[in-house]
Amino acid sequence: MGLPLRATKAARVRGLAAGAAVTLVLTSLGCQTETGRHPSGARPSAHTATATSATTSPGRSPSAVPPRGAASAPPRTIPSVRDFTPASGPGWRPGSGSRVVADPRGPLGDEARMIAAELGLRTASGPARRGDLSLALAPGQSGGREAYTLTVGDGRARITGPADAGVFYGTRTVKQALRSGGRLPEGVIHDRPDRAQRGLNLDIARKFFTAGWIEARMRQMADLKLNQLALHFSDDQGFRIQSSSHPEIVSAQHLTKAQVRQIVALGQRLHITVIPEIDSPGHLGAVIKAHPQLQLRNAGGTTFQGSVDISKPAAARIVDQLMREYAPLFPGKWWHLGADEYLALTVKDPQASFPGLAAAAKRKYGPSARVQDLVTGWLNDRARLARQLGKQPKAWNDGFFTGGVVNPDKNIEVEYWTGRLKETARQPLEYLREGRKVVNLNDAYLYYVLGEPGGFTYPTGERIYDEWSPAVLRGSTPIADKSLTGPNRVLGARFAIWGDHPEAQTPAQVAQGIRLPLAALAQRVWDPGKPPLSWSEFTRLAERLGV
């Protein structure tokens, strides 16, 4: 018996509406639809409804779905997938009845809702059927918590991973593959990052960036599978986060704690850890402005910009109070201590120039101690507090010294940039031979310094893509001993934005300027091999993907 006429019409209307919605979303992703034209102008081939698409390589016209029996090609994504086993078949693309299947109240609920919204689909608790994209945890799966497997066959797609982070990265591959080629290729992807730490370092102390600007960069980072945002929010020019313990040091332009919580919450959804940095004992000009009694002076009374007198207990007290205040605001694993460019150690004879520091060093560490030891003791004390607060400490490489009676804590991660104030800055090989773990922020490739002062030039994505690797820690030559630069020693890399001349570029110009360098970095820290595309192909793909 037939259905009543109005029910049949309603069903048709719902079906047309759902189909139109999927068509609209796929078009916005850059995908070819069955009734529409691809942005390049090429027409789609006729094929079945639930597994249709055209594959588009950068700079090429869309091709039809592989003919029956032909093996599929890997998807075009940034970063590229590391392992793909092709199979014959039409692949997968969302159709009008497709769903994202996962337990909405389970550990993958956020991931399911996000990719469903991006693809214009609804979520469902299962079981999965033809046309669906399903997400599931597989605790025994290899590769670590950021690994995932993406299986496409029988008209459906399935992402599994040992943890939610890996499944999330699988959804980023789905999103990019649909945008670059209109479908997921038939076969199995096994993917994982080469380096555990991958991200962006942002100086909001010298140049203030709004919460909205920061969140937009985080969404860009997530699509590139980057997982760290380090916020340098205290320096000579400003202190940029609301404080209850020391409101007198906070700049007029600053992030409220509510905004920081929003940023951190977004990071948790995007699997990006937000890392705070209060640089000390240098770069504390904003603190000194409110507490001038902490200013470092030499024997002649000359002041040294941004550096506090660490012989005064009040200097340590204020930094420690700030660390305790902000630790709950940043629930992630790491705390950046700074420790670079303490100006007392840039003079020829620190002991003669700063007799107060020299005397304090001897009182605390014995008659052989020097100013360097007092500075190292400061670093170790802050690292100890960071651990008490549940954080893994990090510090810049030029805050680590040798040859003293006090040695830097072996468990502080070394953030290697170079160290331009001292021509004798130690080579990265020294830190690695000491058994230290290093993160790469090579200033020759990864420093975007506004205004290009002191010989800096804006880095290009092409140089990062063609020349740089995690083993290139200083200059342009990689460390030859590969046993010292593997993923367990050089933990990863971050691209850094520094606001030395804050008016040199607008926030929009900064966002545009870092776009391709950030994409190139993402490729090089995810996949250790030679990039599969030429630079021109890579840039065309980045444009198509919108990253």
Protein backbone atom coordinates (compact mmCIF):
# COMPACT_ATOMS: atom_id res chain seq x y z
CA MET A 1 0.00 0.00 0.00
CA GLY A 2 1.39 3.40 -0.96
CA LEU A 3 2.21 6.14 1.54
CA PRO A 4 -0.07 9.16 1.81
CA LEU A 5 0.79 11.78 -0.76
CA ARG A 6 1.91 14.44 1.76
CA ALA A 7 4.31 11.96 3.43
CA THR A 8 5.84 11.13 0.06
CA LYS A 9 6.25 14.83 -0.71
CA ALA A 10 7.75 15.50 2.71
CA ALA A 11 10.22 12.68 2.29
CA ARG A 12 11.19 14.02 -1.12
CA VAL A 13 11.67 17.51 0.29
CA ARG A 14 13.82 16.19 3.13
CA GLY A 15 15.90 14.18 0.72
CA LEU A 16 16.39 17.13 -1.63
CA ALA A 17 17.31 19.38 1.29
CA ALA A 18 19.84 16.89 2.65
CA GLY A 19 21.36 16.42 -0.79
CA ALA A 20 21.59 20.15 -1.31
CA ALA A 21 23.26 20.60 2.06
CA VAL A 22 25.93 17.99 1.30
CA THR A 23 26.46 19.49 -2.16
CA LEU A 24 26.92 22.93 -0.60
CA VAL A 25 29.44 21.71 1.97
CA LEU A 26 31.44 19.69 -0.56
CA THR A 27 31.52 22.68 -2.87
CA SER A 28 32.84 24.83 0.01
CA LEU A 29 35.53 22.19 0.61
CA GLY A 30 36.59 22.50 -3.01
CA CYS A 31 35.07 19.16 -4.01
CA GLN A 32 33.43 18.40 -7.33
CA THR A 33 29.76 17.47 -7.09
CA GLU A 34 27.67 15.33 -9.38
CA THR A 35 25.62 18.22 -10.68
CA GLY A 36 28.10 21.05 -10.34
CA ARG A 37 31.35 21.99 -11.96
CA HIS A 38 34.74 21.73 -10.28
CA PRO A 39 36.36 25.10 -9.57
CA SER A 40 38.82 24.38 -12.39
CA GLY A 41 35.91 24.15 -14.83
CA ALA A 42 36.24 20.44 -15.56
CA ARG A 43 33.06 18.37 -15.48
CA PRO A 44 32.73 15.28 -13.26
CA SER A 45 32.41 11.80 -14.67
CA ALA A 46 29.24 9.79 -14.10
CA HIS A 47 29.54 7.38 -11.18
CA THR A 48 27.67 5.92 -8.25
CA ALA A 49 26.09 8.22 -5.70
CA THR A 50 27.74 7.25 -2.42
CA ALA A 51 31.33 6.92 -3.58
CA THR A 52 31.64 9.66 -6.14
CA SER A 53 34.31 12.24 -6.67
CA ALA A 54 37.06 13.54 -8.83
CA THR A 55 40.68 13.37 -7.83
CA THR A 56 42.55 16.61 -8.26
CA SER A 57 46.31 16.85 -8.07
CA PRO A 58 47.87 20.26 -7.73
CA GLY A 59 48.01 21.94 -11.10
CA ARG A 60 46.10 19.17 -12.88
CA SER A 61 42.57 18.83 -14.09
CA PRO A 62 40.27 16.58 -12.07
CA SER A 63 40.30 12.96 -13.14
CA ALA A 64 37.47 10.50 -12.92
CA VAL A 65 37.13 7.90 -10.21
CA PRO A 66 39.61 5.09 -10.89
CA PRO A 67 38.17 2.51 -13.29
CA ARG A 68 37.16 -0.84 -11.88
CA GLY A 69 40.28 -2.84 -11.04
CA ALA A 70 42.63 0.19 -10.98
CA ALA A 71 44.55 0.95 -7.78
CA SER A 72 43.91 4.27 -6.13
CA ALA A 73 46.51 6.98 -5.47
CA PRO A 74 47.31 8.45 -2.03
CA PRO A 75 45.40 11.57 -1.07
CA ARG A 76 47.03 15.00 -1.39
CA THR A 77 47.31 16.45 2.11
CA ILE A 78 49.57 18.71 4.19
CA PRO A 79 51.39 17.06 5.80
CA SER A 80 51.46 14.12 3.40
CA VAL A 81 50.38 10.73 4.71
CA ARG A 82 53.29 8.46 5.50
CA ASP A 83 51.99 5.05 4.46
CA PHE A 84 49.20 4.20 2.01
CA THR A 85 48.21 0.75 0.77
CA PRO A 86 46.07 1.25 -2.34
CA ALA A 87 43.12 -0.85 -3.34
CA SER A 88 40.81 -0.89 -6.33
CA GLY A 89 37.49 0.79 -5.87
CA PRO A 90 35.66 4.11 -6.07
CA GLY A 91 36.75 5.41 -2.66
CA TRP A 92 34.45 7.39 -0.38
CA ARG A 93 32.82 10.74 -0.33
CA PRO A 94 29.87 11.90 1.78
CA GLY A 95 26.46 11.54 0.20
CA SER A 96 23.03 12.74 1.21
CA GLY A 97 22.54 9.84 3.65
CA SER A 98 26.05 9.76 5.06
CA ARG A 99 26.66 10.07 8.80
CA VAL A 100 29.60 10.38 11.16
CA VAL A 101 29.28 7.40 13.48
CA ALA A 102 30.68 7.51 17.02
CA ASP A 103 29.33 7.48 20.53
CA PRO A 104 28.30 11.14 21.00
CA ARG A 105 28.90 10.87 24.75
CA GLY A 106 32.12 8.89 24.40
CA PRO A 107 35.76 10.00 24.15
CA LEU A 108 35.41 10.77 20.42
CA GLY A 109 32.24 12.85 20.68
CA ASP A 110 34.06 16.15 20.06
CA GLU A 111 35.95 14.76 17.07
CA ALA A 112 32.75 13.37 15.56
CA ARG A 113 30.82 16.61 15.99
CA MET A 114 33.62 18.69 14.49
CA ILE A 115 34.13 16.68 11.31
CA ALA A 116 30.36 16.25 10.93
CA ALA A 117 29.89 20.02 11.06
CA GLU A 118 32.71 20.54 8.57
CA LEU A 119 31.20 18.03 6.12
CA GLY A 120 27.58 19.04 6.68
CA LEU A 121 26.65 15.62 8.06
CA ARG A 122 24.80 14.45 11.13
CA THR A 123 26.29 12.30 13.86
CA ALA A 124 24.92 8.90 14.87
CA SER A 125 25.81 6.31 17.46
CA GLY A 126 25.88 3.45 14.97
CA PRO A 127 26.16 0.84 13.74
CA ALA A 128 27.94 2.15 10.63
CA ARG A 129 26.48 1.46 7.21
CA ARG A 130 27.46 2.14 3.60
CA GLY A 131 28.15 5.81 3.04
CA ASP A 132 29.19 6.49 6.66
CA LEU A 133 32.40 7.75 8.19
CA SER A 134 32.99 6.00 11.52
CA LEU A 135 35.42 6.84 14.33
CA ALA A 136 36.65 4.38 16.94
CA LEU A 137 39.41 3.94 19.49
CA ALA A 138 41.72 0.95 19.09
CA PRO A 139 43.85 0.87 22.28
CA GLY A 140 46.15 -1.85 21.00
CA GLN A 141 46.92 -0.11 17.73
CA SER A 142 50.60 0.77 17.20
CA GLY A 143 52.20 4.12 16.50
CA GLY A 144 51.52 6.13 19.65
CA ARG A 145 48.63 8.33 20.71
CA GLU A 146 48.85 10.57 17.62
CA ALA A 147 48.78 7.70 15.12
CA TYR A 148 45.71 6.69 13.16
CA THR A 149 44.54 4.23 10.53
CA LEU A 150 42.06 5.31 7.87
CA THR A 151 40.41 2.44 6.00
CA VAL A 152 38.26 3.05 2.92
CA GLY A 153 36.31 0.23 1.32
CA ASP A 154 32.85 -1.16 0.76
CA GLY A 155 31.46 2.34 0.33
CA ARG A 156 32.45 3.53 3.80
CA ALA A 157 35.39 5.07 5.68
CA ARG A 158 36.67 4.24 9.15
CA ILE A 159 39.23 6.02 11.33
CA THR A 160 40.80 4.19 14.26
CA GLY A 161 43.59 5.16 16.62
CA PRO A 162 44.97 4.31 20.04
CA ALA A 163 43.85 7.72 21.39
CA ASP A 164 41.57 10.61 20.52
CA ALA A 165 44.45 12.72 19.16
CA GLY A 166 45.21 10.22 16.41
CA VAL A 167 41.55 9.89 15.44
CA PHE A 168 41.35 13.69 15.28
CA TYR A 169 44.30 13.79 12.88
CA GLY A 170 42.54 11.17 10.78
CA THR A 171 39.60 13.56 10.46
CA ARG A 172 42.01 16.27 9.26
CA THR A 173 43.16 13.90 6.53
CA VAL A 174 39.52 13.27 5.55
CA LYS A 175 38.80 16.99 5.37
CA GLN A 176 41.88 17.74 3.27
CA ALA A 177 41.49 14.74 0.97
CA LEU A 178 37.94 15.77 0.13
CA ARG A 179 39.07 19.29 -0.57
CA SER A 180 42.06 18.31 -2.71
CA GLY A 181 40.55 15.40 -4.60
CA GLY A 182 36.83 15.22 -3.91
CA ARG A 183 37.02 11.79 -2.30
CA LEU A 184 38.98 9.48 -0.04
CA PRO A 185 40.91 6.93 -2.11
CA GLU A 186 40.17 3.24 -1.69
CA GLY A 187 42.74 1.58 0.54
CA VAL A 188 44.35 1.91 3.95
CA ILE A 189 46.35 4.82 5.39
CA HIS A 190 48.66 4.25 8.34
CA ASP A 191 49.91 7.61 9.56
CA ARG A 192 51.78 9.06 12.52
CA PRO A 193 54.06 12.02 13.25
CA ASP A 194 57.83 11.75 13.21
CA ARG A 195 58.25 14.36 15.98
CA ALA A 196 56.16 14.68 19.12
CA GLN A 197 56.37 18.49 19.44
CA ARG A 198 55.16 20.54 16.47
CA GLY A 199 53.90 24.06 16.64
CA LEU A 200 53.98 27.84 16.78
CA ASN A 201 55.71 30.20 19.22
CA LEU A 202 53.86 33.51 19.51
CA ASP A 203 55.20 36.70 21.11
CA ILE A 204 52.16 38.61 22.38
CA ALA A 205 54.27 40.68 24.79
CA ARG A 206 55.91 42.97 22.24
CA LYS A 207 53.00 42.89 19.78
CA PHE A 208 49.57 42.20 21.16
CA PHE A 209 47.38 39.77 19.24
CA THR A 210 43.70 39.40 20.05
CA ALA A 211 42.10 36.19 21.25
CA GLY A 212 40.25 35.94 17.94
CA TRP A 213 43.48 36.18 15.94
CA ILE A 214 45.11 33.53 18.12
CA GLU A 215 42.14 31.18 17.79
CA ALA A 216 42.17 31.55 13.99
CA ARG A 217 45.84 30.51 13.93
CA MET A 218 45.03 27.54 16.16
CA ARG A 219 42.41 26.28 13.71
CA GLN A 220 44.96 26.63 10.92
CA MET A 221 47.51 24.76 13.03
CA ALA A 222 45.08 21.93 13.79
CA ASP A 223 44.42 21.30 10.11
CA LEU A 224 48.21 21.01 9.69
CA LYS A 225 48.39 18.52 12.59
CA LEU A 226 50.46 20.91 14.74
CA ASN A 227 50.06 20.38 18.47
CA GLN A 228 51.74 23.20 20.44
CA LEU A 229 51.13 26.92 20.86
CA ALA A 230 53.71 28.62 23.08
CA LEU A 231 52.67 32.06 24.37
CA HIS A 232 55.50 34.46 25.24
CA PHE A 233 53.35 36.93 27.18
CA SER A 234 55.89 38.78 29.35
CA ASP A 235 58.76 40.95 28.13
CA ASP A 236 60.21 44.45 28.37
CA GLN A 237 57.42 45.94 26.27
CA GLY A 238 54.42 44.41 27.97
CA PHE A 239 52.80 41.87 30.24
CA ARG A 240 49.72 40.58 28.45
CA ILE A 241 47.62 38.34 30.70
CA GLN A 242 45.38 39.52 33.54
CA SER A 243 46.91 38.94 36.98
CA SER A 244 45.36 38.90 40.42
CA SER A 245 48.66 38.50 42.31
CA HIS A 246 50.37 41.41 40.53
CA PRO A 247 47.83 43.54 38.64
CA GLU A 248 50.30 46.44 38.66
CA ILE A 249 52.46 44.81 35.98
CA VAL A 250 49.68 44.09 33.46
CA SER A 251 49.60 46.15 30.25
CA ALA A 252 46.50 48.02 29.13
CA GLN A 253 46.19 45.68 26.15
CA HIS A 254 46.00 42.18 27.54
CA LEU A 255 44.10 38.93 27.48
CA THR A 256 41.67 38.35 30.30
CA LYS A 257 41.83 35.05 32.13
CA ALA A 258 38.43 34.22 30.63
CA GLN A 259 39.91 34.69 27.15
CA VAL A 260 42.89 32.51 28.04
CA ARG A 261 40.55 29.79 29.30
CA GLN A 262 38.69 30.01 25.99
CA ILE A 263 41.97 29.68 24.07
CA VAL A 264 43.05 26.72 26.21
CA ALA A 265 39.63 25.05 25.80
CA LEU A 266 39.83 25.45 22.03
CA GLY A 267 43.31 23.96 22.16
CA GLN A 268 42.00 20.94 24.03
CA ARG A 269 39.36 20.37 21.33
CA LEU A 270 42.01 20.79 18.61
CA HIS A 271 44.64 18.74 20.47
CA ILE A 272 46.93 21.76 20.81
CA THR A 273 48.73 22.30 24.12
CA VAL A 274 49.09 25.96 25.10
CA ILE A 275 52.49 26.54 26.75
CA PRO A 276 53.03 29.66 28.91
CA GLU A 277 56.35 31.48 29.00
CA ILE A 278 57.40 34.00 31.65
CA ASP A 279 60.95 34.79 30.58
CA SER A 280 63.36 35.42 33.47
CA PRO A 281 65.73 36.69 34.81
CA GLY A 282 66.01 38.79 31.64
CA HIS A 283 63.18 40.20 29.54
CA LEU A 284 61.33 41.39 32.66
CA GLY A 285 61.04 45.05 31.74
CA ALA A 286 57.28 45.15 32.35
CA VAL A 287 57.84 43.86 35.88
CA ILE A 288 60.72 46.28 36.49
CA LYS A 289 58.58 49.24 35.37
CA ALA A 290 56.22 48.53 38.28
CA HIS A 291 59.04 47.45 40.63
CA PRO A 292 62.08 49.62 39.79
CA GLN A 293 63.91 48.43 42.91
CA LEU A 294 64.46 45.11 41.13
CA GLN A 295 66.42 46.71 38.26
CA LEU A 296 69.88 45.24 37.67
CA ARG A 297 72.68 47.83 37.83
CA ASN A 298 76.43 47.43 37.45
CA ALA A 299 79.05 48.81 39.83
CA GLY A 300 78.84 52.20 38.13
CA GLY A 301 75.05 52.39 38.41
CA THR A 302 74.32 51.65 34.75
CA THR A 303 71.00 49.84 34.21
CA PHE A 304 70.63 46.79 31.99
CA GLN A 305 67.34 46.64 30.17
CA GLY A 306 64.92 43.93 31.23
CA SER A 307 67.28 42.21 33.65
CA VAL A 308 66.41 41.92 37.34
CA ASP A 309 68.89 41.81 40.20
CA ILE A 310 68.74 38.14 41.13
CA SER A 311 70.63 38.73 44.37
CA LYS A 312 67.42 40.27 45.70
CA PRO A 313 64.93 37.71 47.07
CA ALA A 314 62.02 39.87 45.91
CA ALA A 315 62.95 39.19 42.27
CA ALA A 316 62.48 35.44 42.70
CA ARG A 317 59.42 35.94 44.86
CA ILE A 318 57.45 37.86 42.21
CA VAL A 319 58.30 35.39 39.41
CA ASP A 320 57.35 32.43 41.60
CA GLN A 321 54.09 34.07 42.62
CA LEU A 322 53.21 34.55 38.95
CA MET A 323 54.10 30.94 38.12
CA ARG A 324 51.85 29.69 40.92
CA GLU A 325 49.03 31.96 39.80
CA TYR A 326 49.12 30.92 36.15
CA ALA A 327 49.82 27.19 36.52
CA PRO A 328 46.11 26.29 36.89
CA LEU A 329 45.24 28.53 33.94
CA PHE A 330 47.48 26.44 31.66
CA PRO A 331 46.74 22.77 32.43
CA GLY A 332 49.11 21.42 29.77
CA LYS A 333 52.33 19.51 30.38
CA TRP A 334 54.97 22.22 29.82
CA TRP A 335 56.15 25.50 31.34
CA HIS A 336 58.68 27.71 29.52
CA LEU A 337 61.14 29.43 31.87
CA GLY A 338 62.84 31.61 29.24
CA ALA A 339 66.34 32.13 30.75
CA ASP A 340 67.85 33.74 27.63
CA GLU A 341 69.79 36.97 27.28
CA TYR A 342 70.44 37.81 30.92
CA LEU A 343 72.59 40.87 30.33
CA ALA A 344 74.85 40.43 33.36
CA LEU A 345 76.54 37.60 31.48
CA THR A 346 77.13 39.56 28.28
CA VAL A 347 79.88 41.77 29.70
CA LYS A 348 83.59 40.92 29.65
CA ASP A 349 83.95 40.40 33.43
CA PRO A 350 80.63 39.80 35.20
CA GLN A 351 82.32 39.48 38.61
CA ALA A 352 83.90 42.93 38.36
CA SER A 353 80.88 44.59 36.78
CA PHE A 354 78.35 43.12 39.21
CA PRO A 355 80.02 42.69 42.61
CA GLY A 356 76.63 42.25 44.31
CA LEU A 357 75.81 39.25 42.14
CA ALA A 358 79.31 37.85 42.62
CA ALA A 359 79.01 38.10 46.40
CA ALA A 360 75.58 36.46 46.36
CA ALA A 361 76.95 33.59 44.27
CA LYS A 362 79.74 32.92 46.78
CA ARG A 363 77.34 33.07 49.71
CA LYS A 364 74.98 30.57 48.14
CA TYR A 365 77.31 28.21 46.27
CA GLY A 366 80.75 28.57 47.85
CA PRO A 367 83.98 30.50 47.31
CA SER A 368 84.54 29.23 43.76
CA ALA A 369 81.11 30.28 42.53
CA ARG A 370 80.69 33.04 39.96
CA VAL A 371 77.81 35.12 38.61
CA GLN A 372 77.15 32.37 36.08
CA ASP A 373 76.44 29.95 38.95
CA LEU A 374 73.95 32.33 40.52
CA VAL A 375 72.15 32.55 37.17
CA THR A 376 72.17 28.76 36.76
CA GLY A 377 70.84 28.42 40.30
CA TRP A 378 67.99 30.78 39.37
CA LEU A 379 67.13 28.54 36.42
CA ASN A 380 67.24 25.39 38.53
CA ASP A 381 65.07 26.94 41.24
CA ARG A 382 62.39 27.91 38.72
CA ALA A 383 62.59 24.45 37.11
CA ARG A 384 62.07 22.88 40.54
CA LEU A 385 58.97 25.01 41.09
CA ALA A 386 57.66 24.12 37.63
CA ARG A 387 57.87 20.43 38.53
CA GLN A 388 56.14 21.05 41.85
CA LEU A 389 53.35 22.64 39.81
CA GLY A 390 53.15 19.51 37.64
CA LYS A 391 54.98 20.95 34.62
CA GLN A 392 57.89 19.84 32.44
CA PRO A 393 60.28 22.83 32.27
CA LYS A 394 61.73 24.26 29.08
CA ALA A 395 64.35 27.01 28.63
CA TRP A 396 66.20 28.74 25.79
CA ASN A 397 69.61 27.30 24.94
CA ASP A 398 71.55 30.43 25.94
CA GLY A 399 70.39 29.95 29.52
CA PHE A 400 72.53 26.78 29.89
CA PHE A 401 76.17 27.23 30.93
CA THR A 402 79.11 24.89 31.48
CA GLY A 403 82.24 25.05 33.59
CA GLY A 404 80.61 26.33 36.76
CA VAL A 405 80.12 24.87 40.19
CA VAL A 406 76.37 24.72 39.52
CA ASN A 407 75.15 22.71 36.52
CA PRO A 408 71.84 23.24 34.76
CA ASP A 409 69.20 20.65 35.59
CA LYS A 410 69.55 17.77 33.11
CA ASN A 411 65.78 17.39 32.75
CA ILE A 412 65.03 20.86 31.39
CA GLU A 413 64.19 20.67 27.68
CA VAL A 414 66.54 22.84 25.61
CA GLU A 415 64.78 25.16 23.17
CA TYR A 416 67.58 25.83 20.69
CA TRP A 417 67.35 29.07 18.73
CA THR A 418 71.04 30.15 18.60
CA GLY A 419 71.89 33.09 20.86
CA ARG A 420 72.83 36.27 19.03
CA LEU A 421 74.02 38.36 21.98
CA LYS A 422 77.00 36.07 22.43
CA GLU A 423 79.05 35.03 19.43
CA THR A 424 80.37 32.14 21.50
CA ALA A 425 76.91 30.64 22.05
CA ARG A 426 77.31 26.91 22.41
CA GLN A 427 76.72 24.63 19.45
CA PRO A 428 73.69 22.31 19.57
CA LEU A 429 75.92 19.25 19.42
CA GLU A 430 77.17 20.06 22.94
CA TYR A 431 73.68 19.85 24.43
CA LEU A 432 72.97 16.59 22.65
CA ARG A 433 76.24 15.04 23.79
CA GLU A 434 75.32 16.00 27.35
CA GLY A 435 72.25 13.81 26.95
CA ARG A 436 69.81 16.71 26.85
CA LYS A 437 66.59 16.71 24.87
CA VAL A 438 66.28 19.55 22.37
CA VAL A 439 63.49 21.34 20.50
CA ASN A 440 64.42 23.07 17.23
CA LEU A 441 63.70 26.80 16.83
CA ASN A 442 66.60 27.53 14.46
CA ASP A 443 66.52 31.30 13.99
CA ALA A 444 67.94 31.02 10.47
CA TYR A 445 64.77 29.26 9.26
CA LEU A 446 62.08 29.46 11.92
CA TYR A 447 62.22 33.06 13.25
CA TYR A 448 59.71 35.55 11.87
CA VAL A 449 60.99 38.78 13.48
CA LEU A 450 58.85 41.81 12.75
CA GLY A 451 60.81 44.62 11.11
CA GLU A 452 63.73 42.26 10.29
CA PRO A 453 66.18 43.83 12.80
CA GLY A 454 69.74 42.69 13.45
CA GLY A 455 70.18 40.82 10.17
CA PHE A 456 66.98 38.78 10.43
CA THR A 457 64.95 38.29 7.27
CA TYR A 458 61.43 36.92 7.02
CA PRO A 459 61.75 33.17 6.51
CA THR A 460 60.27 31.55 3.45
CA GLY A 461 58.36 28.32 3.31
CA GLU A 462 60.45 27.22 0.37
CA ARG A 463 63.71 27.28 2.35
CA ILE A 464 62.11 25.32 5.20
CA TYR A 465 60.63 22.83 2.74
CA ASP A 466 63.80 22.33 0.67
CA GLU A 467 66.65 22.81 3.16
CA TRP A 468 65.56 22.44 6.76
CA SER A 469 64.99 19.33 8.86
CA PRO A 470 64.82 18.74 12.62
CA ALA A 471 68.55 17.93 12.49
CA VAL A 472 69.34 21.44 11.19
CA LEU A 473 69.49 23.08 14.60
CA ARG A 474 71.85 25.97 13.84
CA GLY A 475 72.78 27.54 10.53
CA SER A 476 72.04 25.38 7.52
CA THR A 477 74.10 22.25 8.19
CA PRO A 478 72.44 19.21 9.78
CA ILE A 479 74.15 17.43 12.65
CA ALA A 480 75.94 14.50 11.06
CA ASP A 481 75.46 11.98 13.86
CA LYS A 482 71.92 10.75 13.25
CA SER A 483 71.89 8.87 16.53
CA LEU A 484 71.78 12.26 18.26
CA THR A 485 68.97 13.78 16.19
CA GLY A 486 66.28 11.10 16.22
CA PRO A 487 62.78 11.73 17.58
CA ASN A 488 63.83 10.81 21.13
CA ARG A 489 66.57 13.48 21.17
CA VAL A 490 65.35 16.32 18.94
CA LEU A 491 61.77 16.27 20.11
CA GLY A 492 60.37 18.53 17.41
CA ALA A 493 60.23 22.14 16.31
CA ARG A 494 58.22 25.34 16.47
CA PHE A 495 57.97 28.30 14.13
CA ALA A 496 58.38 31.56 16.09
CA ILE A 497 56.83 35.00 15.63
CA TRP A 498 58.67 37.80 17.45
CA GLY A 499 57.30 41.35 17.68
CA ASP A 500 60.55 43.34 17.88
CA HIS A 501 59.07 46.12 15.73
CA PRO A 502 55.35 45.63 16.35
CA GLU A 503 54.16 48.20 13.82
CA ALA A 504 56.14 46.67 10.96
CA GLN A 505 53.23 44.41 10.00
CA THR A 506 49.53 44.27 10.76
CA PRO A 507 48.09 41.09 12.29
CA ALA A 508 46.62 40.24 8.86
CA GLN A 509 50.05 40.61 7.24
CA VAL A 510 51.61 38.40 9.89
CA ALA A 511 48.95 35.75 9.31
CA GLN A 512 49.61 35.81 5.57
CA GLY A 513 53.39 35.89 6.01
CA ILE A 514 53.53 32.78 8.20
CA ARG A 515 51.03 30.72 6.19
CA LEU A 516 53.40 28.85 3.88
CA PRO A 517 56.31 28.62 6.37
CA LEU A 518 53.96 27.03 8.88
CA ALA A 519 52.70 24.55 6.27
CA ALA A 520 56.27 23.69 5.26
CA LEU A 521 57.23 23.12 8.90
CA ALA A 522 54.21 20.87 9.38
CA GLN A 523 55.37 18.71 6.47
CA ARG A 524 58.94 18.40 7.71
CA VAL A 525 58.12 17.48 11.33
CA TRP A 526 55.41 14.96 10.40
CA ASP A 527 57.21 13.02 7.67
CA PRO A 528 61.01 12.61 7.94
CA GLY A 529 61.42 11.67 4.28
CA LYS A 530 61.95 13.83 1.24
CA PRO A 531 58.73 15.75 0.54
CA PRO A 532 56.75 14.03 -2.21
CA LEU A 533 55.82 17.24 -4.05
CA SER A 534 57.90 19.97 -5.62
CA TRP A 535 57.63 23.36 -3.93
CA SER A 536 55.39 24.71 -6.71
CA GLU A 537 53.10 21.69 -6.36
CA PHE A 538 53.09 22.13 -2.58
CA THR A 539 52.11 25.80 -2.79
CA ARG A 540 49.28 25.02 -5.21
CA LEU A 541 48.06 22.31 -2.85
CA ALA A 542 48.24 24.70 0.12
CA GLU A 543 46.11 27.20 -1.80
CA ARG A 544 43.57 24.54 -2.66
CA LEU A 545 43.41 23.31 0.93
CA GLY A 546 43.19 26.81 2.35
CA VAL A 547 46.04 26.25 4.83
